[in-house]
Amino acid sequence: VVLNMARLQVEGLDAVASFHGSLASPATAPEGLNARVAVFNGAADPMVPAEQVTAFKAEMEQAGAELLFENYEGVLHSFTSREANYFAQKYNLPLGYDEAADTDSWEKLRGFLADTFLE
């Protein structure tokens, strides 16, 4: 949702952040995208295939977006959820908590927000 809000240039939107979210959209970011964009993704997440990552990065570059993109190698979907491993087992889903990615993404988000709103 937040990535689409940025694509649609919702008024007053300065920054968005997405954690293990879909990068695909029927909307395309216009050139001169206003909001800063941060994306934290698990590179091993089958719900966000590599082609989607490549297309998203190209879209953001074409739009001139200020983009922070972290793609954590070997990390699955829901890497910030401590319950991900439980649900992965219970429902046979490709989910997995990753403490290192969770901690790193949180710290990078804090820096991203500070750079956006405290400057």
Protein backbone atom coordinates (compact mmCIF):
# COMPACT_ATOMS: atom_id res chain seq x y z
CA VAL A 1 0.00 0.00 0.00
CA VAL A 2 2.69 2.52 0.94
CA LEU A 3 4.62 1.95 -2.28
CA ASN A 4 1.46 2.59 -4.28
CA MET A 5 0.81 5.74 -2.25
CA ALA A 6 4.26 6.96 -3.28
CA ARG A 7 3.60 5.98 -6.90
CA LEU A 8 0.36 7.97 -6.83
CA GLN A 9 2.16 10.96 -5.26
CA VAL A 10 -0.28 11.22 -2.36
CA GLU A 11 -0.20 14.82 -1.16
CA GLY A 12 1.93 15.46 1.92
CA LEU A 13 3.73 12.11 1.72
CA ASP A 14 7.44 12.64 2.37
CA ALA A 15 8.64 9.07 2.83
CA VAL A 16 7.47 5.46 2.79
CA ALA A 17 9.01 2.22 4.06
CA SER A 18 8.13 -1.33 3.10
CA PHE A 19 9.22 -4.49 4.91
CA HIS A 20 8.88 -7.80 3.02
CA GLY A 21 6.12 -6.33 0.85
CA SER A 22 5.11 -6.85 -2.74
CA LEU A 23 6.94 -4.60 -5.16
CA ALA A 24 4.60 -5.15 -8.12
CA SER A 25 1.83 -2.71 -8.95
CA PRO A 26 -0.47 -1.78 -11.82
CA ALA A 27 0.52 1.85 -11.11
CA THR A 28 3.88 3.15 -12.32
CA ALA A 29 5.81 5.83 -10.51
CA PRO A 30 5.92 9.09 -12.44
CA GLU A 31 9.16 10.87 -13.17
CA GLY A 32 9.98 13.20 -10.30
CA LEU A 33 8.62 10.93 -7.55
CA ASN A 34 8.23 13.11 -4.45
CA ALA A 35 8.44 10.67 -1.55
CA ARG A 36 11.66 9.02 -0.41
CA VAL A 37 11.36 5.22 -0.55
CA ALA A 38 12.90 2.56 1.70
CA VAL A 39 12.44 -1.13 0.95
CA PHE A 40 13.66 -4.01 3.11
CA ASN A 41 13.36 -7.35 1.32
CA GLY A 42 14.41 -10.94 1.82
CA ALA A 43 16.32 -12.03 -1.27
CA ALA A 44 15.14 -15.64 -0.78
CA ASP A 45 11.46 -14.62 -0.49
CA PRO A 46 9.58 -16.56 -3.21
CA MET A 47 6.68 -14.10 -2.86
CA VAL A 48 8.94 -11.37 -4.26
CA PRO A 49 10.81 -12.96 -7.16
CA ALA A 50 14.07 -11.50 -8.47
CA GLU A 51 12.29 -10.24 -11.61
CA GLN A 52 9.99 -8.16 -9.41
CA VAL A 53 12.99 -6.68 -7.59
CA THR A 54 14.72 -5.83 -10.88
CA ALA A 55 11.58 -4.24 -12.34
CA PHE A 56 10.94 -2.23 -9.17
CA LYS A 57 14.48 -0.88 -9.03
CA ALA A 58 14.27 0.10 -12.71
CA GLU A 59 10.93 1.81 -12.09
CA MET A 60 12.34 3.78 -9.17
CA GLU A 61 15.43 4.78 -11.15
CA GLN A 62 13.26 5.93 -14.06
CA ALA A 63 11.15 7.96 -11.63
CA GLY A 64 14.24 9.56 -10.10
CA ALA A 65 13.27 8.27 -6.68
CA GLU A 66 15.52 8.59 -3.68
CA LEU A 67 15.60 4.88 -2.87
CA LEU A 68 17.09 2.84 -0.03
CA PHE A 69 16.83 -0.82 -1.02
CA GLU A 70 18.14 -3.58 1.23
CA ASN A 71 17.92 -7.10 -0.16
CA TYR A 72 19.00 -9.55 2.54
CA GLU A 73 20.65 -12.66 1.08
CA GLY A 74 19.17 -15.98 2.17
CA VAL A 75 16.31 -14.27 4.01
CA LEU A 76 12.66 -15.28 3.62
CA HIS A 77 9.32 -13.46 3.83
CA SER A 78 8.25 -12.09 7.24
CA PHE A 79 11.84 -11.82 8.45
CA THR A 80 10.86 -9.19 11.05
CA SER A 81 8.17 -11.34 12.66
CA ARG A 82 9.37 -13.45 15.57
CA GLU A 83 6.38 -15.76 14.96
CA ALA A 84 7.31 -16.41 11.32
CA ASN A 85 9.00 -19.76 11.99
CA TYR A 86 5.95 -21.01 13.89
CA PHE A 87 3.60 -20.10 11.03
CA ALA A 88 6.02 -21.48 8.47
CA GLN A 89 5.90 -24.88 10.16
CA LYS A 90 2.21 -24.84 11.00
CA TYR A 91 1.02 -23.87 7.51
CA ASN A 92 3.97 -25.02 5.38
CA LEU A 93 4.76 -21.49 4.21
CA PRO A 94 8.06 -19.99 3.00
CA LEU A 95 8.43 -17.68 6.02
CA GLY A 96 11.30 -17.19 8.41
CA TYR A 97 12.38 -14.86 11.16
CA ASP A 98 15.92 -13.54 10.71
CA GLU A 99 17.32 -11.69 13.71
CA ALA A 100 20.21 -10.08 11.81
CA ALA A 101 17.95 -8.78 9.01
CA ASP A 102 15.34 -7.67 11.54
CA THR A 103 17.90 -5.69 13.56
CA ASP A 104 19.67 -4.23 10.52
CA SER A 105 16.44 -3.18 8.79
CA TRP A 106 15.16 -1.49 11.95
CA GLU A 107 18.39 0.46 12.39
CA LYS A 108 18.42 1.48 8.73
CA LEU A 109 14.78 2.56 8.94
CA ARG A 110 15.59 4.74 11.95
CA GLY A 111 18.41 6.40 10.02
CA PHE A 112 16.19 6.83 6.96
CA LEU A 113 13.48 8.52 9.04
CA ALA A 114 15.99 10.73 10.85
CA ASP A 115 17.50 11.81 7.53
CA THR A 116 14.03 12.57 6.19
CA PHE A 117 12.44 14.35 9.12
CA LEU A 118 15.22 15.66 11.35
CA GLU A 119 17.32 17.49 8.75
